[in-house]
Amino acid sequence: MAPVRLHVEALLERAVAKDIKGLSGSCEDILEHREALWTFVERAGVEPTNNHAEREPRAFVLWRRRSFGSQSERGDRFAERIVEPRTGS
């Protein structure tokens, strides 16, 4: 993965240097967290995607969409309470 890492980081640095609106800043943000970007290579069990984090709130999001969300503070509290926080995985 070392050659891939070097190539990806070089592309990100090129994008930052080009100063392209909407792109360069995002690339700079990624480079600020470059060590975290490659955690999946160095640690077993770490997925290279955020699919797990995206799936966690999915059931609640779909429920909220079907029910058109909440129209009151009381409804907000109800929604908070029915969503069980998940711990560990």
N, C-alpha and C. Protein backbone atom coordinates (compact mmCIF):
# COMPACT_ATOMS: atom_id res chain seq x y z
N MET A 1 0.81 -1.20 0.00
CA MET A 1 0.00 0.00 0.00
C MET A 1 0.85 1.27 0.00
N ALA A 2 2.13 1.16 0.32
CA ALA A 2 2.97 2.35 0.39
C ALA A 2 2.97 3.15 -0.92
N PRO A 3 3.11 2.49 -2.09
CA PRO A 3 3.07 3.27 -3.33
C PRO A 3 1.71 3.93 -3.57
N VAL A 4 0.65 3.24 -3.20
CA VAL A 4 -0.70 3.80 -3.37
C VAL A 4 -0.86 5.01 -2.46
N ARG A 5 -0.39 4.88 -1.22
CA ARG A 5 -0.49 5.99 -0.27
C ARG A 5 0.25 7.22 -0.80
N LEU A 6 1.46 7.00 -1.28
CA LEU A 6 2.25 8.12 -1.81
C LEU A 6 1.55 8.77 -3.00
N HIS A 7 0.98 7.97 -3.88
CA HIS A 7 0.30 8.50 -5.06
C HIS A 7 -0.94 9.30 -4.67
N VAL A 8 -1.76 8.75 -3.77
CA VAL A 8 -2.98 9.43 -3.34
C VAL A 8 -2.64 10.75 -2.66
N GLU A 9 -1.66 10.73 -1.76
CA GLU A 9 -1.29 11.96 -1.07
C GLU A 9 -0.71 12.99 -2.04
N ALA A 10 0.03 12.54 -3.05
CA ALA A 10 0.58 13.47 -4.04
C ALA A 10 -0.56 14.12 -4.84
N LEU A 11 -1.59 13.34 -5.18
CA LEU A 11 -2.74 13.90 -5.89
C LEU A 11 -3.48 14.92 -5.02
N LEU A 12 -3.63 14.60 -3.75
CA LEU A 12 -4.29 15.54 -2.84
C LEU A 12 -3.49 16.84 -2.74
N GLU A 13 -2.17 16.72 -2.64
CA GLU A 13 -1.32 17.90 -2.55
C GLU A 13 -1.38 18.74 -3.84
N ARG A 14 -1.47 18.06 -4.99
CA ARG A 14 -1.62 18.80 -6.26
C ARG A 14 -2.91 19.58 -6.29
N ALA A 15 -3.98 18.96 -5.81
CA ALA A 15 -5.28 19.64 -5.79
C ALA A 15 -5.25 20.85 -4.87
N VAL A 16 -4.57 20.73 -3.74
CA VAL A 16 -4.45 21.87 -2.82
C VAL A 16 -3.69 23.00 -3.51
N ALA A 17 -2.60 22.65 -4.18
CA ALA A 17 -1.77 23.66 -4.85
C ALA A 17 -2.50 24.38 -5.99
N LYS A 18 -3.45 23.70 -6.62
CA LYS A 18 -4.20 24.30 -7.74
C LYS A 18 -5.18 25.36 -7.27
N ASP A 19 -5.51 25.35 -6.00
CA ASP A 19 -6.43 26.33 -5.42
C ASP A 19 -7.76 26.39 -6.17
N ILE A 20 -8.38 25.22 -6.32
CA ILE A 20 -9.66 25.09 -7.01
C ILE A 20 -10.78 25.18 -5.99
N LYS A 21 -11.68 26.14 -6.20
CA LYS A 21 -12.80 26.36 -5.28
C LYS A 21 -13.63 25.07 -5.16
N GLY A 22 -13.93 24.69 -3.93
CA GLY A 22 -14.74 23.50 -3.69
C GLY A 22 -13.96 22.20 -3.69
N LEU A 23 -12.70 22.24 -4.08
CA LEU A 23 -11.90 21.02 -4.11
C LEU A 23 -10.66 21.14 -3.24
N SER A 24 -9.92 22.20 -3.40
CA SER A 24 -8.65 22.34 -2.70
C SER A 24 -8.81 22.32 -1.19
N GLY A 25 -9.84 22.97 -0.69
CA GLY A 25 -10.06 22.99 0.76
C GLY A 25 -10.38 21.61 1.30
N SER A 26 -11.18 20.85 0.55
CA SER A 26 -11.51 19.48 0.97
C SER A 26 -10.26 18.61 0.99
N CYS A 27 -9.44 18.75 -0.03
CA CYS A 27 -8.20 17.98 -0.09
C CYS A 27 -7.26 18.35 1.05
N GLU A 28 -7.23 19.63 1.38
CA GLU A 28 -6.40 20.09 2.50
C GLU A 28 -6.90 19.49 3.82
N ASP A 29 -8.21 19.44 3.98
CA ASP A 29 -8.79 18.83 5.18
C ASP A 29 -8.40 17.36 5.29
N ILE A 30 -8.44 16.65 4.18
CA ILE A 30 -8.07 15.23 4.17
C ILE A 30 -6.60 15.08 4.55
N LEU A 31 -5.76 15.93 4.00
CA LEU A 31 -4.33 15.85 4.30
C LEU A 31 -4.03 16.15 5.77
N GLU A 32 -4.85 17.00 6.39
CA GLU A 32 -4.66 17.28 7.82
C GLU A 32 -4.89 16.04 8.67
N HIS A 33 -5.64 15.09 8.13
CA HIS A 33 -5.94 13.85 8.86
C HIS A 33 -5.35 12.63 8.15
N ARG A 34 -4.24 12.83 7.50
CA ARG A 34 -3.68 11.76 6.66
C ARG A 34 -3.38 10.48 7.43
N GLU A 35 -2.99 10.57 8.67
CA GLU A 35 -2.72 9.34 9.44
C GLU A 35 -4.00 8.54 9.64
N ALA A 36 -5.08 9.23 9.94
CA ALA A 36 -6.36 8.54 10.13
C ALA A 36 -6.86 7.94 8.82
N LEU A 37 -6.52 8.55 7.71
CA LEU A 37 -6.95 8.07 6.40
C LEU A 37 -6.44 6.66 6.12
N TRP A 38 -5.29 6.32 6.67
CA TRP A 38 -4.67 5.02 6.38
C TRP A 38 -4.76 4.04 7.55
N THR A 39 -5.58 4.33 8.52
CA THR A 39 -5.72 3.45 9.68
C THR A 39 -6.11 2.04 9.28
N PHE A 40 -6.96 1.89 8.27
CA PHE A 40 -7.42 0.56 7.85
C PHE A 40 -6.28 -0.32 7.35
N VAL A 41 -5.19 0.29 6.92
CA VAL A 41 -4.04 -0.48 6.45
C VAL A 41 -3.24 -1.03 7.62
N GLU A 42 -3.15 -0.24 8.69
CA GLU A 42 -2.28 -0.58 9.81
C GLU A 42 -2.97 -1.38 10.91
N ARG A 43 -4.30 -1.30 10.99
CA ARG A 43 -5.01 -2.00 12.06
C ARG A 43 -6.00 -3.01 11.50
N ALA A 44 -5.88 -4.22 11.99
CA ALA A 44 -6.80 -5.27 11.57
C ALA A 44 -8.21 -4.95 12.06
N GLY A 45 -9.20 -5.26 11.26
CA GLY A 45 -10.59 -5.07 11.66
C GLY A 45 -11.17 -3.71 11.36
N VAL A 46 -10.36 -2.77 10.85
CA VAL A 46 -10.86 -1.44 10.51
C VAL A 46 -11.22 -1.45 9.03
N GLU A 47 -12.48 -1.17 8.73
CA GLU A 47 -12.93 -1.15 7.34
C GLU A 47 -12.46 0.12 6.64
N PRO A 48 -12.14 0.02 5.34
CA PRO A 48 -11.71 1.21 4.60
C PRO A 48 -12.87 2.10 4.17
N THR A 49 -14.07 1.81 4.62
CA THR A 49 -15.24 2.63 4.25
C THR A 49 -15.93 3.10 5.52
N ASN A 50 -16.91 3.97 5.36
CA ASN A 50 -17.71 4.39 6.51
C ASN A 50 -19.10 3.76 6.44
N ASN A 51 -19.22 2.64 5.75
CA ASN A 51 -20.52 2.00 5.57
C ASN A 51 -21.20 1.70 6.90
N HIS A 52 -20.45 1.21 7.87
CA HIS A 52 -21.04 0.87 9.17
C HIS A 52 -21.66 2.12 9.81
N ALA A 53 -20.91 3.20 9.80
CA ALA A 53 -21.41 4.44 10.40
C ALA A 53 -22.62 4.98 9.62
N GLU A 54 -22.66 4.75 8.34
CA GLU A 54 -23.80 5.21 7.53
C GLU A 54 -25.04 4.36 7.79
N ARG A 55 -24.84 3.06 8.07
CA ARG A 55 -25.99 2.17 8.28
C ARG A 55 -26.63 2.33 9.65
N GLU A 56 -25.87 2.74 10.64
CA GLU A 56 -26.40 2.83 12.00
C GLU A 56 -27.69 3.64 12.11
N PRO A 57 -27.74 4.86 11.61
CA PRO A 57 -28.97 5.65 11.78
C PRO A 57 -30.02 5.41 10.70
N ARG A 58 -29.79 4.49 9.78
CA ARG A 58 -30.66 4.33 8.62
C ARG A 58 -32.12 4.04 8.99
N ALA A 59 -32.37 3.12 9.91
CA ALA A 59 -33.75 2.77 10.27
C ALA A 59 -34.49 4.00 10.81
N PHE A 60 -33.81 4.79 11.64
CA PHE A 60 -34.44 5.98 12.19
C PHE A 60 -34.73 7.01 11.09
N VAL A 61 -33.77 7.19 10.19
CA VAL A 61 -33.94 8.15 9.10
C VAL A 61 -35.13 7.75 8.24
N LEU A 62 -35.25 6.46 7.92
CA LEU A 62 -36.38 6.00 7.11
C LEU A 62 -37.70 6.19 7.86
N TRP A 63 -37.72 5.89 9.15
CA TRP A 63 -38.93 6.10 9.94
C TRP A 63 -39.32 7.58 9.93
N ARG A 64 -38.33 8.45 10.16
CA ARG A 64 -38.60 9.88 10.19
C ARG A 64 -39.13 10.37 8.85
N ARG A 65 -38.59 9.84 7.76
CA ARG A 65 -39.04 10.25 6.43
C ARG A 65 -40.49 9.82 6.19
N ARG A 66 -40.82 8.58 6.57
CA ARG A 66 -42.19 8.08 6.37
C ARG A 66 -43.20 8.82 7.23
N SER A 67 -42.76 9.25 8.43
CA SER A 67 -43.70 9.89 9.35
C SER A 67 -43.65 11.42 9.24
N PHE A 68 -42.84 11.94 8.31
CA PHE A 68 -42.70 13.38 8.11
C PHE A 68 -42.12 14.09 9.33
N GLY A 69 -41.29 13.38 10.07
CA GLY A 69 -40.61 13.99 11.21
C GLY A 69 -41.54 14.36 12.34
N SER A 70 -41.11 15.26 13.15
CA SER A 70 -41.88 15.68 14.31
C SER A 70 -42.34 17.12 14.11
N GLN A 71 -43.49 17.41 14.67
CA GLN A 71 -44.04 18.76 14.54
C GLN A 71 -44.06 19.50 15.87
N SER A 72 -43.48 18.88 16.92
CA SER A 72 -43.51 19.51 18.23
C SER A 72 -42.32 19.06 19.07
N GLU A 73 -42.11 19.77 20.15
CA GLU A 73 -41.04 19.38 21.07
C GLU A 73 -41.35 18.02 21.70
N ARG A 74 -42.61 17.81 22.02
CA ARG A 74 -43.02 16.53 22.60
C ARG A 74 -42.73 15.39 21.60
N GLY A 75 -43.00 15.62 20.33
CA GLY A 75 -42.69 14.63 19.30
C GLY A 75 -41.20 14.39 19.18
N ASP A 76 -40.42 15.44 19.32
CA ASP A 76 -38.96 15.29 19.29
C ASP A 76 -38.48 14.39 20.43
N ARG A 77 -39.02 14.61 21.64
CA ARG A 77 -38.63 13.78 22.79
C ARG A 77 -39.02 12.32 22.56
N PHE A 78 -40.21 12.10 21.99
CA PHE A 78 -40.65 10.74 21.70
C PHE A 78 -39.67 10.06 20.75
N ALA A 79 -39.31 10.75 19.69
CA ALA A 79 -38.40 10.19 18.71
C ALA A 79 -37.04 9.87 19.33
N GLU A 80 -36.56 10.76 20.19
CA GLU A 80 -35.28 10.52 20.86
C GLU A 80 -35.34 9.25 21.70
N ARG A 81 -36.46 9.03 22.34
CA ARG A 81 -36.57 7.90 23.26
C ARG A 81 -36.80 6.56 22.57
N ILE A 82 -37.44 6.58 21.40
CA ILE A 82 -37.66 5.30 20.73
C ILE A 82 -36.44 4.79 20.00
N VAL A 83 -35.53 5.68 19.71
CA VAL A 83 -34.30 5.26 19.04
C VAL A 83 -33.35 4.76 20.11
N GLU A 84 -33.12 3.45 20.10
CA GLU A 84 -32.23 2.87 21.10
C GLU A 84 -30.79 3.12 20.70
N PRO A 85 -30.01 3.68 21.60
CA PRO A 85 -28.59 3.83 21.27
C PRO A 85 -27.93 2.47 21.24
N ARG A 86 -27.11 2.26 20.22
CA ARG A 86 -26.40 0.99 20.08
C ARG A 86 -25.00 1.16 20.61
N THR A 87 -24.58 0.20 21.38
CA THR A 87 -23.21 0.28 21.91
C THR A 87 -22.42 -0.89 21.38
N GLY A 88 -21.16 -0.59 21.04
CA GLY A 88 -20.26 -1.63 20.55
C GLY A 88 -20.76 -2.29 19.28
N SER A 89 -19.92 -3.05 18.68
CA SER A 89 -20.30 -3.85 17.50
C SER A 89 -19.18 -4.77 17.16
